[in-house]
Amino acid sequence: MNVMPSKEQPGMAPRGALVENPLNTGLTLHSRELFRQGAVVQIRHQGQTYQLRLTRQDKLILTK
């Protein structure tokens, strides 16, 4: 019986999924997922709103 290997390897999350870092250093998110609807992401933290922007030079800027 021949078994074809899956495109996804064991332990790999599906594309676009949120993935916990195996070193327990927090959650890993891909910027392409954060910015798929535009160049600005709103982040709420302790009652404040921050903006994470993707620049034309492909850099990230976080502002209050």
C-alpha atoms as a PDB file:
ATOM      1  CA  MET A   1       0.000   0.000   0.000  1.00  0.00           C
ATOM      2  CA  ASN A   2       1.454   3.374  -1.048  1.00  0.00           C
ATOM      3  CA  VAL A   3       0.730   6.381   1.163  1.00  0.00           C
ATOM      4  CA  MET A   4       1.154   9.842  -0.257  1.00  0.00           C
ATOM      5  CA  PRO A   5       2.724  12.321   2.180  1.00  0.00           C
ATOM      6  CA  SER A   6       0.550  15.211   3.284  1.00  0.00           C
ATOM      7  CA  LYS A   7       1.536  18.745   2.270  1.00  0.00           C
ATOM      8  CA  GLU A   8       1.346  19.750   5.930  1.00  0.00           C
ATOM      9  CA  GLN A   9       3.903  18.202   8.195  1.00  0.00           C
ATOM     10  CA  PRO A  10       2.897  16.898  11.629  1.00  0.00           C
ATOM     11  CA  GLY A  11       2.922  19.666  14.186  1.00  0.00           C
ATOM     12  CA  MET A  12       2.543  22.373  11.541  1.00  0.00           C
ATOM     13  CA  ALA A  13      -0.461  24.680  11.813  1.00  0.00           C
ATOM     14  CA  PRO A  14      -2.600  25.472   8.781  1.00  0.00           C
ATOM     15  CA  ARG A  15      -1.678  28.625   6.856  1.00  0.00           C
ATOM     16  CA  GLY A  16      -2.958  31.747   8.572  1.00  0.00           C
ATOM     17  CA  ALA A  17      -3.406  30.078  11.930  1.00  0.00           C
ATOM     18  CA  LEU A  18      -2.236  31.528  15.208  1.00  0.00           C
ATOM     19  CA  VAL A  19       0.639  29.426  16.464  1.00  0.00           C
ATOM     20  CA  GLU A  20       2.015  29.160  19.974  1.00  0.00           C
ATOM     21  CA  ASN A  21       5.764  29.459  20.102  1.00  0.00           C
ATOM     22  CA  PRO A  22       7.197  26.111  21.278  1.00  0.00           C
ATOM     23  CA  LEU A  23       9.770  27.963  23.432  1.00  0.00           C
ATOM     24  CA  ASN A  24       6.887  29.472  25.424  1.00  0.00           C
ATOM     25  CA  THR A  25       7.901  33.020  24.507  1.00  0.00           C
ATOM     26  CA  GLY A  26       4.393  34.022  23.431  1.00  0.00           C
ATOM     27  CA  LEU A  27       2.187  33.876  20.392  1.00  0.00           C
ATOM     28  CA  THR A  28       3.641  34.160  16.894  1.00  0.00           C
ATOM     29  CA  LEU A  29       1.610  36.015  14.258  1.00  0.00           C
ATOM     30  CA  HIS A  30       2.651  36.548  10.659  1.00  0.00           C
ATOM     31  CA  SER A  31       2.506  40.170   9.516  1.00  0.00           C
ATOM     32  CA  ARG A  32       0.836  39.158   6.237  1.00  0.00           C
ATOM     33  CA  GLU A  33      -2.131  37.955   8.284  1.00  0.00           C
ATOM     34  CA  LEU A  34      -2.269  41.124  10.391  1.00  0.00           C
ATOM     35  CA  PHE A  35      -2.147  43.415   7.350  1.00  0.00           C
ATOM     36  CA  ARG A  36      -4.246  41.417   4.889  1.00  0.00           C
ATOM     37  CA  GLN A  37      -7.019  44.063   5.002  1.00  0.00           C
ATOM     38  CA  GLY A  38      -4.855  47.181   4.995  1.00  0.00           C
ATOM     39  CA  ALA A  39      -1.702  48.876   6.239  1.00  0.00           C
ATOM     40  CA  VAL A  40      -2.944  49.750   9.762  1.00  0.00           C
ATOM     41  CA  VAL A  41      -3.901  47.488  12.676  1.00  0.00           C
ATOM     42  CA  GLN A  42      -5.591  48.845  15.817  1.00  0.00           C
ATOM     43  CA  ILE A  43      -4.355  47.339  19.114  1.00  0.00           C
ATOM     44  CA  ARG A  44      -6.174  47.908  22.427  1.00  0.00           C
ATOM     45  CA  HIS A  45      -4.001  47.754  25.554  1.00  0.00           C
ATOM     46  CA  GLN A  46      -5.009  48.875  29.052  1.00  0.00           C
ATOM     47  CA  GLY A  47      -7.701  51.207  27.766  1.00  0.00           C
ATOM     48  CA  GLN A  48      -5.432  52.810  25.152  1.00  0.00           C
ATOM     49  CA  THR A  49      -5.572  52.369  21.379  1.00  0.00           C
ATOM     50  CA  TYR A  50      -2.319  51.911  19.480  1.00  0.00           C
ATOM     51  CA  GLN A  51      -1.781  51.739  15.729  1.00  0.00           C
ATOM     52  CA  LEU A  52       0.634  49.326  14.133  1.00  0.00           C
ATOM     53  CA  ARG A  53       1.462  50.586  10.638  1.00  0.00           C
ATOM     54  CA  LEU A  54       3.188  48.929   7.725  1.00  0.00           C
ATOM     55  CA  THR A  55       5.280  51.488   5.821  1.00  0.00           C
ATOM     56  CA  ARG A  56       6.058  51.657   2.109  1.00  0.00           C
ATOM     57  CA  GLN A  57       9.571  50.479   2.976  1.00  0.00           C
ATOM     58  CA  ASP A  58       8.027  47.345   4.585  1.00  0.00           C
ATOM     59  CA  LYS A  59       8.863  48.468   8.140  1.00  0.00           C
ATOM     60  CA  LEU A  60       6.604  48.456  11.212  1.00  0.00           C
ATOM     61  CA  ILE A  61       5.753  51.535  13.285  1.00  0.00           C
ATOM     62  CA  LEU A  62       3.773  51.392  16.553  1.00  0.00           C
ATOM     63  CA  THR A  63       2.166  54.670  17.692  1.00  0.00           C
ATOM     64  CA  LYS A  64      -0.266  55.706  20.394  1.00  0.00           C
END
